[in-house]
């Protein structure tokens, strides 16, 4: 899982930064402006980690949904369906005004920064729909090996959905899906 393009924009990727994620989604382009006191590590490492956890059903943490934002669901959609996902660094503001600059730049770029706080049903439904669509795509592949090599995240999402639908563990579901595709 990686971005289609990363534009450092001449900025220091290790310093606090405000960044833009531009995603091609089902219903057109979607933009997100985020801020990171950790530099590029948050959008480059932290966000993909959260997306991977979304595919797997989250983590056992009572505050899990508060850490998820719509951007993670949209990133999952882009990676599962091989759509463009671009990261652009916008500026390196001082840490003290990071949140303020994020809001200003979000408005300037017509982007959101919505959280899913208190809306775990919408999060779970969106991810379940993406896993179901991933399974449909995988079932159209010529073989399990091809499906897995073409898009490992899509394959993982399909296996998890297959396991849920069949009442199987992940390993048994993967084996059964491989047999179904052979």
C-alpha atoms as a PDB file:
ATOM      1  CA  UNK A   1       0.000   0.000   0.000  1.00  0.00           C
ATOM      2  CA  UNK A   2       1.508   3.243  -1.095  1.00  0.00           C
ATOM      3  CA  UNK A   3       0.531   6.520  -2.661  1.00  0.00           C
ATOM      4  CA  UNK A   4       0.379   6.815  -6.441  1.00  0.00           C
ATOM      5  CA  UNK A   5       2.432  10.019  -6.149  1.00  0.00           C
ATOM      6  CA  UNK A   6       4.089  11.909  -3.319  1.00  0.00           C
ATOM      7  CA  UNK A   7       4.847  15.592  -3.847  1.00  0.00           C
ATOM      8  CA  UNK A   8       7.205  16.941  -1.180  1.00  0.00           C
ATOM      9  CA  UNK A   9       6.654  20.400  -2.636  1.00  0.00           C
ATOM     10  CA  UNK A  10      10.146  21.487  -1.553  1.00  0.00           C
ATOM     11  CA  UNK A  11       9.226  21.083   2.133  1.00  0.00           C
ATOM     12  CA  UNK A  12      10.967  19.315   4.999  1.00  0.00           C
ATOM     13  CA  UNK A  13       9.192  15.940   5.360  1.00  0.00           C
ATOM     14  CA  UNK A  14      10.583  15.441   8.885  1.00  0.00           C
ATOM     15  CA  UNK A  15       9.231  18.719  10.300  1.00  0.00           C
ATOM     16  CA  UNK A  16       5.645  19.329  11.435  1.00  0.00           C
ATOM     17  CA  UNK A  17       3.506  19.654   8.335  1.00  0.00           C
ATOM     18  CA  UNK A  18       0.084  20.094   6.836  1.00  0.00           C
ATOM     19  CA  UNK A  19      -0.615  17.692   3.988  1.00  0.00           C
ATOM     20  CA  UNK A  20      -3.240  17.045   1.323  1.00  0.00           C
ATOM     21  CA  UNK A  21      -4.446  13.592   0.316  1.00  0.00           C
ATOM     22  CA  UNK A  22      -6.272  13.595  -3.008  1.00  0.00           C
ATOM     23  CA  UNK A  23      -8.231  10.384  -3.704  1.00  0.00           C
ATOM     24  CA  UNK A  24     -10.083   9.165  -6.793  1.00  0.00           C
ATOM     25  CA  UNK A  25     -13.258   7.550  -5.410  1.00  0.00           C
ATOM     26  CA  UNK A  26     -16.445   6.026  -6.831  1.00  0.00           C
ATOM     27  CA  UNK A  27     -18.282   9.326  -6.775  1.00  0.00           C
ATOM     28  CA  UNK A  28     -15.461  11.559  -7.999  1.00  0.00           C
ATOM     29  CA  UNK A  29     -12.410  13.119  -6.356  1.00  0.00           C
ATOM     30  CA  UNK A  30     -12.242  13.408  -2.577  1.00  0.00           C
ATOM     31  CA  UNK A  31      -9.754  15.579  -0.660  1.00  0.00           C
ATOM     32  CA  UNK A  32      -8.500  15.500   2.891  1.00  0.00           C
ATOM     33  CA  UNK A  33      -6.214  17.951   4.653  1.00  0.00           C
ATOM     34  CA  UNK A  34      -4.364  16.616   7.663  1.00  0.00           C
ATOM     35  CA  UNK A  35      -1.668  17.814  10.024  1.00  0.00           C
ATOM     36  CA  UNK A  36       1.197  15.905  11.581  1.00  0.00           C
ATOM     37  CA  UNK A  37       3.614  16.982  14.266  1.00  0.00           C
ATOM     38  CA  UNK A  38       5.591  13.852  13.274  1.00  0.00           C
ATOM     39  CA  UNK A  39       6.175  14.935   9.699  1.00  0.00           C
ATOM     40  CA  UNK A  40       5.467  12.581   6.817  1.00  0.00           C
ATOM     41  CA  UNK A  41       5.440   9.474   9.042  1.00  0.00           C
ATOM     42  CA  UNK A  42       1.755   9.937   9.914  1.00  0.00           C
ATOM     43  CA  UNK A  43       0.373   9.950   6.361  1.00  0.00           C
ATOM     44  CA  UNK A  44       3.075   7.578   5.035  1.00  0.00           C
ATOM     45  CA  UNK A  45       3.105   4.950   7.813  1.00  0.00           C
ATOM     46  CA  UNK A  46       0.293   5.638  10.278  1.00  0.00           C
ATOM     47  CA  UNK A  47      -2.548   6.010   7.798  1.00  0.00           C
ATOM     48  CA  UNK A  48      -1.753   2.782   5.884  1.00  0.00           C
ATOM     49  CA  UNK A  49      -1.545   0.952   9.243  1.00  0.00           C
ATOM     50  CA  UNK A  50      -5.041   2.161  10.144  1.00  0.00           C
ATOM     51  CA  UNK A  51      -6.340   1.143   6.699  1.00  0.00           C
ATOM     52  CA  UNK A  52      -4.875  -2.352   7.171  1.00  0.00           C
ATOM     53  CA  UNK A  53      -6.592  -2.583  10.555  1.00  0.00           C
ATOM     54  CA  UNK A  54      -9.892  -1.478   8.965  1.00  0.00           C
ATOM     55  CA  UNK A  55      -9.674  -4.369   6.505  1.00  0.00           C
ATOM     56  CA  UNK A  56      -9.100  -6.764   9.373  1.00  0.00           C
ATOM     57  CA  UNK A  57     -12.065  -5.450  11.365  1.00  0.00           C
ATOM     58  CA  UNK A  58     -10.474  -2.825  13.588  1.00  0.00           C
ATOM     59  CA  UNK A  59      -8.707  -3.395  16.856  1.00  0.00           C
ATOM     60  CA  UNK A  60     -10.056  -4.179  20.294  1.00  0.00           C
ATOM     61  CA  UNK A  61      -9.867  -0.657  21.635  1.00  0.00           C
ATOM     62  CA  UNK A  62     -12.918   1.204  22.940  1.00  0.00           C
ATOM     63  CA  UNK A  63     -11.697   4.390  21.222  1.00  0.00           C
ATOM     64  CA  UNK A  64     -10.977   2.729  17.855  1.00  0.00           C
ATOM     65  CA  UNK A  65     -13.737   4.574  15.980  1.00  0.00           C
ATOM     66  CA  UNK A  66     -12.507   7.898  17.341  1.00  0.00           C
ATOM     67  CA  UNK A  67      -9.155   7.312  15.658  1.00  0.00           C
ATOM     68  CA  UNK A  68     -10.751   6.605  12.307  1.00  0.00           C
ATOM     69  CA  UNK A  69     -11.627   9.306   9.880  1.00  0.00           C
ATOM     70  CA  UNK A  70     -13.400   9.137   6.547  1.00  0.00           C
ATOM     71  CA  UNK A  71     -10.034   9.536   4.879  1.00  0.00           C
ATOM     72  CA  UNK A  72      -9.079   6.031   6.031  1.00  0.00           C
ATOM     73  CA  UNK A  73     -12.221   4.540   4.463  1.00  0.00           C
ATOM     74  CA  UNK A  74     -11.595   6.468   1.236  1.00  0.00           C
ATOM     75  CA  UNK A  75      -7.943   5.330   1.209  1.00  0.00           C
ATOM     76  CA  UNK A  76      -9.091   1.735   1.636  1.00  0.00           C
ATOM     77  CA  UNK A  77     -11.434   2.191  -1.327  1.00  0.00           C
ATOM     78  CA  UNK A  78      -8.620   3.609  -3.466  1.00  0.00           C
ATOM     79  CA  UNK A  79      -6.154   0.841  -2.610  1.00  0.00           C
ATOM     80  CA  UNK A  80      -8.646  -2.003  -2.976  1.00  0.00           C
ATOM     81  CA  UNK A  81      -9.872  -0.761  -6.364  1.00  0.00           C
ATOM     82  CA  UNK A  82      -6.511   0.448  -7.759  1.00  0.00           C
ATOM     83  CA  UNK A  83      -7.422   4.118  -7.861  1.00  0.00           C
ATOM     84  CA  UNK A  84      -5.110   7.112  -7.701  1.00  0.00           C
ATOM     85  CA  UNK A  85      -4.113   8.271  -4.229  1.00  0.00           C
ATOM     86  CA  UNK A  86      -1.872  11.329  -4.095  1.00  0.00           C
ATOM     87  CA  UNK A  87      -0.057  12.844  -1.116  1.00  0.00           C
ATOM     88  CA  UNK A  88       1.134  16.444  -1.277  1.00  0.00           C
ATOM     89  CA  UNK A  89       2.874  18.353   1.481  1.00  0.00           C
ATOM     90  CA  UNK A  90       1.363  21.843   1.761  1.00  0.00           C
ATOM     91  CA  UNK A  91       3.467  23.643   4.364  1.00  0.00           C
ATOM     92  CA  UNK A  92       5.698  23.341   7.434  1.00  0.00           C
ATOM     93  CA  UNK A  93       4.030  25.607  10.013  1.00  0.00           C
ATOM     94  CA  UNK A  94       5.309  25.930  13.570  1.00  0.00           C
ATOM     95  CA  UNK A  95       3.852  23.223  15.826  1.00  0.00           C
ATOM     96  CA  UNK A  96       1.875  25.819  17.842  1.00  0.00           C
ATOM     97  CA  UNK A  97      -0.306  26.773  14.865  1.00  0.00           C
ATOM     98  CA  UNK A  98      -0.502  23.378  13.138  1.00  0.00           C
ATOM     99  CA  UNK A  99      -4.215  22.804  13.863  1.00  0.00           C
ATOM    100  CA  UNK A 100      -5.141  26.350  12.857  1.00  0.00           C
ATOM    101  CA  UNK A 101      -3.232  26.082   9.554  1.00  0.00           C
ATOM    102  CA  UNK A 102      -4.882  22.724   8.848  1.00  0.00           C
ATOM    103  CA  UNK A 103      -8.352  24.290   9.083  1.00  0.00           C
ATOM    104  CA  UNK A 104      -7.397  27.241   6.887  1.00  0.00           C
ATOM    105  CA  UNK A 105      -5.761  25.045   4.239  1.00  0.00           C
ATOM    106  CA  UNK A 106      -8.681  22.596   4.270  1.00  0.00           C
ATOM    107  CA  UNK A 107     -11.024  25.444   3.369  1.00  0.00           C
ATOM    108  CA  UNK A 108      -8.632  26.727   0.691  1.00  0.00           C
ATOM    109  CA  UNK A 109      -8.366  23.287  -0.918  1.00  0.00           C
ATOM    110  CA  UNK A 110     -12.048  22.394  -0.583  1.00  0.00           C
ATOM    111  CA  UNK A 111     -11.157  19.449   1.595  1.00  0.00           C
ATOM    112  CA  UNK A 112     -12.621  17.820   4.653  1.00  0.00           C
ATOM    113  CA  UNK A 113     -11.164  16.591   7.881  1.00  0.00           C
ATOM    114  CA  UNK A 114     -14.200  14.885   9.382  1.00  0.00           C
ATOM    115  CA  UNK A 115     -13.949  12.346  12.143  1.00  0.00           C
ATOM    116  CA  UNK A 116     -16.249   9.381  12.530  1.00  0.00           C
ATOM    117  CA  UNK A 117     -16.732   9.962  16.261  1.00  0.00           C
ATOM    118  CA  UNK A 118     -19.920   8.288  17.417  1.00  0.00           C
ATOM    119  CA  UNK A 119     -20.651   6.912  13.943  1.00  0.00           C
ATOM    120  CA  UNK A 120     -19.200   3.407  14.204  1.00  0.00           C
ATOM    121  CA  UNK A 121     -22.178   1.981  12.297  1.00  0.00           C
ATOM    122  CA  UNK A 122     -21.333   4.045   9.217  1.00  0.00           C
ATOM    123  CA  UNK A 123     -17.684   3.043   9.465  1.00  0.00           C
ATOM    124  CA  UNK A 124     -18.463  -0.667   9.786  1.00  0.00           C
ATOM    125  CA  UNK A 125     -21.039  -0.551   6.987  1.00  0.00           C
ATOM    126  CA  UNK A 126     -18.672   1.262   4.610  1.00  0.00           C
ATOM    127  CA  UNK A 127     -15.822  -1.171   5.263  1.00  0.00           C
ATOM    128  CA  UNK A 128     -18.132  -4.202   4.970  1.00  0.00           C
ATOM    129  CA  UNK A 129     -19.381  -2.926   1.592  1.00  0.00           C
ATOM    130  CA  UNK A 130     -15.804  -2.474   0.379  1.00  0.00           C
ATOM    131  CA  UNK A 131     -14.870  -5.999   1.492  1.00  0.00           C
ATOM    132  CA  UNK A 132     -17.936  -7.394  -0.289  1.00  0.00           C
ATOM    133  CA  UNK A 133     -16.996  -5.561  -3.496  1.00  0.00           C
ATOM    134  CA  UNK A 134     -13.406  -6.812  -3.141  1.00  0.00           C
ATOM    135  CA  UNK A 135     -14.692 -10.389  -2.896  1.00  0.00           C
ATOM    136  CA  UNK A 136     -16.742  -9.918  -6.072  1.00  0.00           C
ATOM    137  CA  UNK A 137     -13.649  -8.640  -7.911  1.00  0.00           C
ATOM    138  CA  UNK A 138     -11.481 -11.497  -6.629  1.00  0.00           C
ATOM    139  CA  UNK A 139     -14.082 -14.040  -7.734  1.00  0.00           C
ATOM    140  CA  UNK A 140     -13.651 -12.675 -11.262  1.00  0.00           C
ATOM    141  CA  UNK A 141      -9.886 -13.337 -11.260  1.00  0.00           C
ATOM    142  CA  UNK A 142      -8.375 -16.136 -13.315  1.00  0.00           C
ATOM    143  CA  UNK A 143      -6.784 -17.670 -10.191  1.00  0.00           C
ATOM    144  CA  UNK A 144      -6.153 -17.027  -6.500  1.00  0.00           C
ATOM    145  CA  UNK A 145      -2.457 -16.482  -7.196  1.00  0.00           C
ATOM    146  CA  UNK A 146      -3.189 -13.811  -9.782  1.00  0.00           C
ATOM    147  CA  UNK A 147      -5.730 -12.102  -7.502  1.00  0.00           C
ATOM    148  CA  UNK A 148      -3.277 -12.058  -4.599  1.00  0.00           C
ATOM    149  CA  UNK A 149      -0.352 -10.805  -6.669  1.00  0.00           C
ATOM    150  CA  UNK A 150      -2.374  -8.113  -8.453  1.00  0.00           C
ATOM    151  CA  UNK A 151      -3.626  -6.511  -5.264  1.00  0.00           C
ATOM    152  CA  UNK A 152      -2.717  -8.061  -1.881  1.00  0.00           C
ATOM    153  CA  UNK A 153      -4.980  -5.689   0.073  1.00  0.00           C
ATOM    154  CA  UNK A 154      -7.962  -6.563  -2.140  1.00  0.00           C
ATOM    155  CA  UNK A 155      -7.155 -10.252  -1.668  1.00  0.00           C
ATOM    156  CA  UNK A 156      -6.999  -9.817   2.130  1.00  0.00           C
ATOM    157  CA  UNK A 157     -10.306  -7.918   2.169  1.00  0.00           C
ATOM    158  CA  UNK A 158     -11.926 -10.649   0.060  1.00  0.00           C
ATOM    159  CA  UNK A 159     -10.629 -13.422   2.323  1.00  0.00           C
ATOM    160  CA  UNK A 160     -11.925 -11.654   5.421  1.00  0.00           C
ATOM    161  CA  UNK A 161     -15.343 -11.145   3.821  1.00  0.00           C
ATOM    162  CA  UNK A 162     -15.404 -14.775   2.651  1.00  0.00           C
ATOM    163  CA  UNK A 163     -14.526 -15.906   6.180  1.00  0.00           C
ATOM    164  CA  UNK A 164     -17.324 -13.768   7.631  1.00  0.00           C
ATOM    165  CA  UNK A 165     -19.891 -14.989   5.096  1.00  0.00           C
ATOM    166  CA  UNK A 166     -18.952 -18.668   5.472  1.00  0.00           C
ATOM    167  CA  UNK A 167     -18.355 -18.627   9.227  1.00  0.00           C
ATOM    168  CA  UNK A 168     -14.740 -19.742   8.782  1.00  0.00           C
ATOM    169  CA  UNK A 169     -11.420 -18.733  10.241  1.00  0.00           C
ATOM    170  CA  UNK A 170      -9.108 -16.680   8.035  1.00  0.00           C
ATOM    171  CA  UNK A 171      -6.821 -19.584   7.050  1.00  0.00           C
ATOM    172  CA  UNK A 172      -9.735 -21.893   6.217  1.00  0.00           C
ATOM    173  CA  UNK A 173     -11.436 -19.130   4.253  1.00  0.00           C
ATOM    174  CA  UNK A 174      -8.281 -18.437   2.250  1.00  0.00           C
ATOM    175  CA  UNK A 175      -7.900 -22.129   1.415  1.00  0.00           C
ATOM    176  CA  UNK A 176     -11.575 -22.440   0.440  1.00  0.00           C
ATOM    177  CA  UNK A 177     -11.409 -19.315  -1.724  1.00  0.00           C
ATOM    178  CA  UNK A 178      -8.302 -20.669  -3.455  1.00  0.00           C
ATOM    179  CA  UNK A 179     -10.172 -23.912  -4.228  1.00  0.00           C
ATOM    180  CA  UNK A 180     -13.205 -21.961  -5.484  1.00  0.00           C
ATOM    181  CA  UNK A 181     -11.000 -19.988  -7.885  1.00  0.00           C
ATOM    182  CA  UNK A 182      -9.091 -23.013  -9.213  1.00  0.00           C
END
